[in-house]
Amino acid sequence: MSEWGIALLAAGAAIVGSVVTGWYARGAGLRQAQAARDAADRQAEALLESVRITLRGADGQRAIALRRQVYAEFLCAVEARLLAERGGRGTGDEELVMQRAYAGVALEGPAEVAVAAKGFIDSMLRHEALDQLQEARTAFIVEAQRAVAGLGSL
């Protein structure tokens, strides 16, 4: 074989080798790019799930704070109504404030807390003895604490 034949054969082998190497390199690059996309998708999904968990936690904390506020306003309204009635120095708005506060408890729920709140109001309106009023107040507080604790476990 002549020098030209050997040179052409070597050049052809180099070209074929380059094409084959390039083809495999392209395939490896595509697989690597797909693996990188898959990893990025998994990382993005993990980040989104982390954000979802954080938001659910924040929503739960807001719900707990709202319930506590509604329940505390109810207690304050009923006790203000009691003081006004017993002290004779009310403004006349205590009944309305108490009913609004009760409506908040009834809307916020749960039903057990609303029933306990209604029992507290009924005890007060029946002018029951102080120990019975205290029992009704305690029953409301126990149910309110259960409701708040129940939200905290979500």
N, C-alpha and C. Protein backbone atom coordinates (compact mmCIF):
# COMPACT_ATOMS: atom_id res chain seq x y z
N MET A 1 0.83 -1.15 0.00
CA MET A 1 0.00 0.00 0.00
C MET A 1 0.89 1.22 0.00
N SER A 2 0.45 2.21 -0.72
CA SER A 2 1.27 3.41 -0.85
C SER A 2 1.08 4.31 0.35
N GLU A 3 1.93 5.29 0.43
CA GLU A 3 1.84 6.25 1.53
C GLU A 3 0.51 6.97 1.51
N TRP A 4 0.01 7.25 0.30
CA TRP A 4 -1.29 7.93 0.19
C TRP A 4 -2.41 7.02 0.69
N GLY A 5 -2.33 5.81 0.42
CA GLY A 5 -3.34 4.87 0.88
C GLY A 5 -3.35 4.75 2.38
N ILE A 6 -2.14 4.70 2.96
CA ILE A 6 -2.03 4.62 4.42
C ILE A 6 -2.55 5.90 5.04
N ALA A 7 -2.22 7.04 4.45
CA ALA A 7 -2.68 8.32 4.97
C ALA A 7 -4.20 8.41 4.90
N LEU A 8 -4.79 7.98 3.76
CA LEU A 8 -6.25 8.01 3.61
C LEU A 8 -6.91 7.06 4.61
N LEU A 9 -6.29 5.90 4.77
CA LEU A 9 -6.83 4.95 5.73
C LEU A 9 -6.76 5.50 7.15
N ALA A 10 -5.66 6.11 7.52
CA ALA A 10 -5.52 6.72 8.85
C ALA A 10 -6.49 7.87 9.04
N ALA A 11 -6.63 8.70 7.99
CA ALA A 11 -7.57 9.82 8.07
C ALA A 11 -8.99 9.30 8.21
N GLY A 12 -9.33 8.27 7.44
CA GLY A 12 -10.68 7.69 7.53
C GLY A 12 -10.94 7.11 8.90
N ALA A 13 -9.93 6.41 9.45
CA ALA A 13 -10.08 5.83 10.78
C ALA A 13 -10.25 6.93 11.83
N ALA A 14 -9.51 8.02 11.67
CA ALA A 14 -9.63 9.14 12.61
C ALA A 14 -11.01 9.76 12.52
N ILE A 15 -11.52 9.92 11.30
CA ILE A 15 -12.86 10.51 11.13
C ILE A 15 -13.92 9.59 11.73
N VAL A 16 -13.83 8.29 11.39
CA VAL A 16 -14.80 7.34 11.94
C VAL A 16 -14.69 7.30 13.46
N GLY A 17 -13.49 7.29 13.98
CA GLY A 17 -13.30 7.31 15.44
C GLY A 17 -13.88 8.55 16.06
N SER A 18 -13.69 9.69 15.42
CA SER A 18 -14.25 10.94 15.93
C SER A 18 -15.76 10.91 15.91
N VAL A 19 -16.34 10.38 14.83
CA VAL A 19 -17.80 10.31 14.73
C VAL A 19 -18.35 9.39 15.82
N VAL A 20 -17.72 8.22 15.98
CA VAL A 20 -18.20 7.28 17.00
C VAL A 20 -18.04 7.88 18.39
N THR A 21 -16.89 8.46 18.67
CA THR A 21 -16.66 9.09 19.97
C THR A 21 -17.64 10.23 20.19
N GLY A 22 -17.84 11.04 19.17
CA GLY A 22 -18.80 12.15 19.26
C GLY A 22 -20.21 11.66 19.52
N TRP A 23 -20.58 10.56 18.84
CA TRP A 23 -21.93 10.00 19.03
C TRP A 23 -22.13 9.54 20.47
N TYR A 24 -21.13 8.82 21.00
CA TYR A 24 -21.23 8.36 22.38
C TYR A 24 -21.17 9.53 23.37
N ALA A 25 -20.35 10.52 23.06
CA ALA A 25 -20.26 11.70 23.92
C ALA A 25 -21.59 12.46 23.93
N ARG A 26 -22.22 12.55 22.75
CA ARG A 26 -23.53 13.21 22.65
C ARG A 26 -24.56 12.45 23.49
N GLY A 27 -24.57 11.12 23.36
CA GLY A 27 -25.51 10.30 24.14
C GLY A 27 -25.27 10.46 25.63
N ALA A 28 -24.00 10.46 26.03
CA ALA A 28 -23.68 10.64 27.45
C ALA A 28 -24.10 12.03 27.91
N GLY A 29 -23.89 13.02 27.08
CA GLY A 29 -24.29 14.39 27.43
C GLY A 29 -25.80 14.51 27.58
N LEU A 30 -26.55 13.86 26.68
CA LEU A 30 -28.02 13.89 26.78
C LEU A 30 -28.49 13.19 28.06
N ARG A 31 -27.87 12.05 28.37
CA ARG A 31 -28.25 11.35 29.60
C ARG A 31 -27.91 12.18 30.83
N GLN A 32 -26.76 12.84 30.80
CA GLN A 32 -26.36 13.69 31.92
C GLN A 32 -27.29 14.88 32.06
N ALA A 33 -27.69 15.47 30.94
CA ALA A 33 -28.62 16.60 30.98
C ALA A 33 -29.98 16.17 31.53
N GLN A 34 -30.45 14.98 31.11
CA GLN A 34 -31.73 14.47 31.62
C GLN A 34 -31.64 14.19 33.12
N ALA A 35 -30.52 13.62 33.55
CA ALA A 35 -30.33 13.35 34.98
C ALA A 35 -30.31 14.66 35.77
N ALA A 36 -29.68 15.69 35.21
CA ALA A 36 -29.65 16.99 35.88
C ALA A 36 -31.05 17.58 35.96
N ARG A 37 -31.85 17.44 34.87
CA ARG A 37 -33.23 17.94 34.89
C ARG A 37 -34.06 17.19 35.93
N ASP A 38 -33.89 15.87 35.99
CA ASP A 38 -34.62 15.07 36.97
C ASP A 38 -34.24 15.47 38.40
N ALA A 39 -32.97 15.68 38.62
CA ALA A 39 -32.51 16.10 39.96
C ALA A 39 -33.07 17.48 40.30
N ALA A 40 -33.08 18.37 39.33
CA ALA A 40 -33.63 19.72 39.56
C ALA A 40 -35.13 19.64 39.85
N ASP A 41 -35.84 18.77 39.13
CA ASP A 41 -37.27 18.59 39.39
C ASP A 41 -37.51 18.06 40.81
N ARG A 42 -36.73 17.09 41.22
CA ARG A 42 -36.88 16.55 42.58
C ARG A 42 -36.56 17.62 43.63
N GLN A 43 -35.53 18.40 43.37
CA GLN A 43 -35.16 19.46 44.31
C GLN A 43 -36.25 20.53 44.38
N ALA A 44 -36.82 20.88 43.22
CA ALA A 44 -37.90 21.87 43.20
C ALA A 44 -39.13 21.35 43.93
N GLU A 45 -39.45 20.07 43.74
CA GLU A 45 -40.60 19.48 44.42
C GLU A 45 -40.38 19.45 45.93
N ALA A 46 -39.16 19.13 46.34
CA ALA A 46 -38.84 19.13 47.77
C ALA A 46 -38.97 20.54 48.35
N LEU A 47 -38.53 21.53 47.62
CA LEU A 47 -38.65 22.91 48.08
C LEU A 47 -40.11 23.33 48.18
N LEU A 48 -40.90 22.96 47.16
CA LEU A 48 -42.34 23.29 47.20
C LEU A 48 -43.03 22.61 48.38
N GLU A 49 -42.68 21.37 48.64
CA GLU A 49 -43.28 20.66 49.78
C GLU A 49 -42.88 21.33 51.09
N SER A 50 -41.65 21.77 51.17
CA SER A 50 -41.19 22.49 52.37
C SER A 50 -41.99 23.78 52.56
N VAL A 51 -42.23 24.49 51.48
CA VAL A 51 -43.03 25.73 51.55
C VAL A 51 -44.46 25.40 51.96
N ARG A 52 -45.02 24.33 51.38
CA ARG A 52 -46.39 23.93 51.74
C ARG A 52 -46.49 23.61 53.23
N ILE A 53 -45.54 22.87 53.73
CA ILE A 53 -45.54 22.52 55.16
C ILE A 53 -45.44 23.77 56.02
N THR A 54 -44.58 24.69 55.62
CA THR A 54 -44.42 25.94 56.36
C THR A 54 -45.71 26.74 56.36
N LEU A 55 -46.36 26.82 55.20
CA LEU A 55 -47.62 27.57 55.11
C LEU A 55 -48.72 26.92 55.93
N ARG A 56 -48.78 25.58 55.89
CA ARG A 56 -49.80 24.90 56.72
C ARG A 56 -49.55 25.19 58.19
N GLY A 57 -48.30 25.19 58.59
CA GLY A 57 -47.97 25.50 59.99
C GLY A 57 -48.37 26.92 60.35
N ALA A 58 -48.10 27.86 59.43
CA ALA A 58 -48.47 29.26 59.69
C ALA A 58 -49.98 29.41 59.74
N ASP A 59 -50.69 28.72 58.85
CA ASP A 59 -52.16 28.78 58.88
C ASP A 59 -52.69 28.23 60.19
N GLY A 60 -52.11 27.14 60.65
CA GLY A 60 -52.53 26.56 61.92
C GLY A 60 -52.29 27.50 63.08
N GLN A 61 -51.16 28.18 63.08
CA GLN A 61 -50.86 29.13 64.15
C GLN A 61 -51.84 30.31 64.11
N ARG A 62 -52.18 30.77 62.91
CA ARG A 62 -53.17 31.86 62.81
C ARG A 62 -54.53 31.41 63.31
N ALA A 63 -54.92 30.18 62.99
CA ALA A 63 -56.21 29.65 63.45
C ALA A 63 -56.24 29.54 64.97
N ILE A 64 -55.14 29.07 65.56
CA ILE A 64 -55.06 28.98 67.02
C ILE A 64 -55.17 30.37 67.64
N ALA A 65 -54.45 31.32 67.08
CA ALA A 65 -54.48 32.69 67.62
C ALA A 65 -55.88 33.28 67.51
N LEU A 66 -56.56 33.03 66.39
CA LEU A 66 -57.92 33.55 66.22
C LEU A 66 -58.87 32.94 67.24
N ARG A 67 -58.79 31.63 67.42
CA ARG A 67 -59.66 31.00 68.41
C ARG A 67 -59.39 31.53 69.80
N ARG A 68 -58.13 31.64 70.16
CA ARG A 68 -57.81 32.18 71.49
C ARG A 68 -58.39 33.57 71.67
N GLN A 69 -58.26 34.40 70.65
CA GLN A 69 -58.76 35.77 70.73
C GLN A 69 -60.28 35.77 70.89
N VAL A 70 -60.98 34.95 70.10
CA VAL A 70 -62.45 34.90 70.18
C VAL A 70 -62.88 34.41 71.56
N TYR A 71 -62.24 33.38 72.06
CA TYR A 71 -62.60 32.83 73.36
C TYR A 71 -62.30 33.83 74.49
N ALA A 72 -61.18 34.51 74.40
CA ALA A 72 -60.82 35.50 75.42
C ALA A 72 -61.80 36.67 75.39
N GLU A 73 -62.19 37.11 74.20
CA GLU A 73 -63.17 38.21 74.10
C GLU A 73 -64.50 37.79 74.71
N PHE A 74 -64.88 36.55 74.50
CA PHE A 74 -66.12 36.06 75.10
C PHE A 74 -66.03 36.10 76.63
N LEU A 75 -64.93 35.56 77.18
CA LEU A 75 -64.77 35.58 78.63
C LEU A 75 -64.82 37.01 79.17
N CYS A 76 -64.12 37.90 78.53
CA CYS A 76 -64.11 39.30 78.98
C CYS A 76 -65.51 39.91 78.91
N ALA A 77 -66.24 39.61 77.83
CA ALA A 77 -67.58 40.19 77.67
C ALA A 77 -68.54 39.68 78.73
N VAL A 78 -68.49 38.39 79.01
CA VAL A 78 -69.39 37.83 80.03
C VAL A 78 -69.03 38.36 81.41
N GLU A 79 -67.75 38.43 81.69
CA GLU A 79 -67.35 38.93 83.01
C GLU A 79 -67.65 40.42 83.16
N ALA A 80 -67.52 41.17 82.08
CA ALA A 80 -67.90 42.59 82.13
C ALA A 80 -69.40 42.72 82.38
N ARG A 81 -70.17 41.86 81.75
CA ARG A 81 -71.64 41.87 81.95
C ARG A 81 -71.97 41.52 83.40
N LEU A 82 -71.26 40.53 83.96
CA LEU A 82 -71.47 40.15 85.36
C LEU A 82 -71.13 41.31 86.30
N LEU A 83 -70.00 41.93 86.08
CA LEU A 83 -69.58 43.06 86.92
C LEU A 83 -70.56 44.22 86.82
N ALA A 84 -71.03 44.50 85.62
CA ALA A 84 -71.98 45.60 85.43
C ALA A 84 -73.28 45.30 86.17
N GLU A 85 -73.73 44.05 86.09
CA GLU A 85 -74.98 43.67 86.74
C GLU A 85 -74.84 43.72 88.26
N ARG A 86 -73.73 43.20 88.76
CA ARG A 86 -73.55 43.14 90.21
C ARG A 86 -73.16 44.49 90.80
N GLY A 87 -72.44 45.28 90.03
CA GLY A 87 -71.99 46.57 90.54
C GLY A 87 -72.97 47.69 90.26
N GLY A 88 -73.90 47.46 89.36
CA GLY A 88 -74.89 48.47 89.03
C GLY A 88 -74.31 49.66 88.28
N ARG A 89 -73.13 49.52 87.69
CA ARG A 89 -72.51 50.65 86.97
C ARG A 89 -72.27 50.34 85.50
N GLY A 90 -73.13 49.62 84.88
CA GLY A 90 -72.95 49.28 83.48
C GLY A 90 -73.30 50.43 82.56
N THR A 91 -72.85 50.32 81.35
CA THR A 91 -73.15 51.34 80.34
C THR A 91 -74.38 50.97 79.54
N GLY A 92 -74.84 49.73 79.70
CA GLY A 92 -75.98 49.26 78.92
C GLY A 92 -75.56 48.52 77.66
N ASP A 93 -74.31 48.64 77.31
CA ASP A 93 -73.80 47.96 76.10
C ASP A 93 -73.29 46.55 76.41
N GLU A 94 -73.20 46.20 77.66
CA GLU A 94 -72.60 44.92 78.03
C GLU A 94 -73.36 43.73 77.44
N GLU A 95 -74.68 43.81 77.43
CA GLU A 95 -75.48 42.71 76.87
C GLU A 95 -75.19 42.52 75.39
N LEU A 96 -75.12 43.62 74.65
CA LEU A 96 -74.84 43.55 73.22
C LEU A 96 -73.44 43.01 72.96
N VAL A 97 -72.47 43.49 73.71
CA VAL A 97 -71.09 43.02 73.56
C VAL A 97 -71.00 41.54 73.87
N MET A 98 -71.71 41.10 74.90
CA MET A 98 -71.69 39.68 75.27
C MET A 98 -72.31 38.83 74.16
N GLN A 99 -73.43 39.27 73.61
CA GLN A 99 -74.08 38.50 72.55
C GLN A 99 -73.21 38.45 71.28
N ARG A 100 -72.54 39.54 70.98
CA ARG A 100 -71.62 39.54 69.83
C ARG A 100 -70.46 38.58 70.07
N ALA A 101 -69.94 38.60 71.28
CA ALA A 101 -68.83 37.71 71.61
C ALA A 101 -69.29 36.25 71.54
N TYR A 102 -70.51 35.98 72.00
CA TYR A 102 -71.04 34.62 71.90
C TYR A 102 -71.19 34.21 70.43
N ALA A 103 -71.66 35.12 69.60
CA ALA A 103 -71.79 34.82 68.18
C ALA A 103 -70.43 34.45 67.58
N GLY A 104 -69.39 35.13 68.00
CA GLY A 104 -68.04 34.78 67.54
C GLY A 104 -67.65 33.38 67.95
N VAL A 105 -67.96 33.00 69.18
CA VAL A 105 -67.66 31.65 69.66
C VAL A 105 -68.46 30.63 68.87
N ALA A 106 -69.74 30.92 68.65
CA ALA A 106 -70.59 29.99 67.90
C ALA A 106 -70.08 29.80 66.48
N LEU A 107 -69.62 30.88 65.85
CA LEU A 107 -69.09 30.78 64.49
C LEU A 107 -67.75 30.07 64.45
N GLU A 108 -66.90 30.36 65.39
CA GLU A 108 -65.55 29.78 65.40
C GLU A 108 -65.60 28.30 65.78
N GLY A 109 -66.53 27.97 66.72
CA GLY A 109 -66.69 26.58 67.10
C GLY A 109 -65.54 26.07 67.92
N PRO A 110 -65.46 24.82 68.07
CA PRO A 110 -66.41 23.77 67.68
C PRO A 110 -67.67 23.81 68.53
N ALA A 111 -68.59 22.92 68.25
CA ALA A 111 -69.91 22.94 68.90
C ALA A 111 -69.80 22.79 70.42
N GLU A 112 -68.85 22.00 70.90
CA GLU A 112 -68.70 21.79 72.35
C GLU A 112 -68.37 23.11 73.06
N VAL A 113 -67.58 23.94 72.42
CA VAL A 113 -67.23 25.23 73.02
C VAL A 113 -68.45 26.15 73.00
N ALA A 114 -69.19 26.15 71.90
CA ALA A 114 -70.39 26.98 71.82
C ALA A 114 -71.42 26.57 72.87
N VAL A 115 -71.58 25.26 73.08
CA VAL A 115 -72.52 24.77 74.10
C VAL A 115 -72.06 25.21 75.49
N ALA A 116 -70.78 25.10 75.76
CA ALA A 116 -70.25 25.52 77.07
C ALA A 116 -70.42 27.04 77.24
N ALA A 117 -70.21 27.81 76.18
CA ALA A 117 -70.39 29.26 76.25
C ALA A 117 -71.86 29.59 76.54
N LYS A 118 -72.75 28.90 75.86
CA LYS A 118 -74.19 29.13 76.08
C LYS A 118 -74.56 28.77 77.52
N GLY A 119 -73.99 27.68 78.03
CA GLY A 119 -74.23 27.29 79.42
C GLY A 119 -73.75 28.35 80.40
N PHE A 120 -72.63 28.97 80.11
CA PHE A 120 -72.09 30.04 80.95
C PHE A 120 -73.04 31.23 80.95
N ILE A 121 -73.49 31.62 79.76
CA ILE A 121 -74.44 32.74 79.66
C ILE A 121 -75.74 32.41 80.39
N ASP A 122 -76.25 31.21 80.19
CA ASP A 122 -77.50 30.82 80.85
C ASP A 122 -77.37 30.84 82.37
N SER A 123 -76.24 30.36 82.88
CA SER A 123 -76.01 30.39 84.33
C SER A 123 -76.04 31.82 84.84
N MET A 124 -75.42 32.71 84.09
CA MET A 124 -75.39 34.11 84.50
C MET A 124 -76.80 34.72 84.45
N LEU A 125 -77.54 34.44 83.39
CA LEU A 125 -78.88 35.01 83.25
C LEU A 125 -79.86 34.44 84.27
N ARG A 126 -79.60 33.23 84.75
CA ARG A 126 -80.46 32.64 85.79
C ARG A 126 -80.06 33.11 87.18
N HIS A 127 -79.04 33.94 87.24
CA HIS A 127 -78.53 34.49 88.50
C HIS A 127 -78.16 33.37 89.48
N GLU A 128 -77.45 32.39 88.95
CA GLU A 128 -77.04 31.26 89.78
C GLU A 128 -75.97 31.70 90.77
N ALA A 129 -75.76 30.86 91.77
CA ALA A 129 -74.77 31.15 92.80
C ALA A 129 -73.38 31.23 92.18
N LEU A 130 -72.48 31.89 92.91
CA LEU A 130 -71.13 32.13 92.41
C LEU A 130 -70.40 30.83 92.09
N ASP A 131 -70.57 29.79 92.91
CA ASP A 131 -69.88 28.52 92.62
C ASP A 131 -70.41 27.86 91.35
N GLN A 132 -71.70 28.01 91.06
CA GLN A 132 -72.26 27.46 89.82
C GLN A 132 -71.77 28.26 88.61
N LEU A 133 -71.68 29.57 88.79
CA LEU A 133 -71.12 30.40 87.71
C LEU A 133 -69.66 30.02 87.44
N GLN A 134 -68.93 29.77 88.51
CA GLN A 134 -67.53 29.37 88.37
C GLN A 134 -67.43 28.02 87.65
N GLU A 135 -68.33 27.09 87.95
CA GLU A 135 -68.34 25.80 87.26
C GLU A 135 -68.63 25.97 85.77
N ALA A 136 -69.59 26.84 85.44
CA ALA A 136 -69.91 27.09 84.03
C ALA A 136 -68.73 27.76 83.31
N ARG A 137 -68.07 28.68 84.01
CA ARG A 137 -66.90 29.35 83.44
C ARG A 137 -65.78 28.34 83.20
N THR A 138 -65.54 27.48 84.19
CA THR A 138 -64.50 26.46 84.06
C THR A 138 -64.82 25.48 82.92
N ALA A 139 -66.09 25.10 82.80
CA ALA A 139 -66.49 24.20 81.70
C ALA A 139 -66.19 24.85 80.35
N PHE A 140 -66.48 26.15 80.23
CA PHE A 140 -66.17 26.85 78.98
C PHE A 140 -64.66 26.86 78.72
N ILE A 141 -63.90 27.19 79.75
CA ILE A 141 -62.44 27.28 79.59
C ILE A 141 -61.85 25.91 79.20
N VAL A 142 -62.34 24.85 79.81
CA VAL A 142 -61.84 23.50 79.49
C VAL A 142 -62.12 23.17 78.03
N GLU A 143 -63.34 23.44 77.57
CA GLU A 143 -63.69 23.16 76.17
C GLU A 143 -62.89 24.05 75.22
N ALA A 144 -62.69 25.31 75.60
CA ALA A 144 -61.91 26.21 74.76
C ALA A 144 -60.46 25.73 74.65
N GLN A 145 -59.90 25.29 75.76
CA GLN A 145 -58.52 24.77 75.73
C GLN A 145 -58.41 23.51 74.89
N ARG A 146 -59.40 22.65 74.96
CA ARG A 146 -59.41 21.45 74.11
C ARG A 146 -59.45 21.82 72.63
N ALA A 147 -60.28 22.81 72.31
CA ALA A 147 -60.41 23.23 70.91
C ALA A 147 -59.10 23.81 70.40
N VAL A 148 -58.44 24.61 71.21
CA VAL A 148 -57.17 25.21 70.80
C VAL A 148 -56.10 24.13 70.70
N ALA A 149 -56.07 23.21 71.65
CA ALA A 149 -55.09 22.12 71.61
C ALA A 149 -55.33 21.22 70.40
N GLY A 150 -56.60 21.02 70.04
CA GLY A 150 -56.92 20.22 68.86
C GLY A 150 -56.40 20.83 67.59
N LEU A 151 -56.42 22.15 67.49
CA LEU A 151 -55.85 22.81 66.32
C LEU A 151 -54.35 22.70 66.31
N GLY A 152 -53.75 22.71 67.48
CA GLY A 152 -52.29 22.64 67.56
C GLY A 152 -51.75 21.30 67.09
N SER A 153 -52.58 20.25 67.12
CA SER A 153 -52.09 18.93 66.71
C SER A 153 -52.27 18.68 65.22
N LEU A 154 -52.81 19.63 64.49
CA LEU A 154 -53.00 19.44 63.04
C LEU A 154 -51.71 19.53 62.29
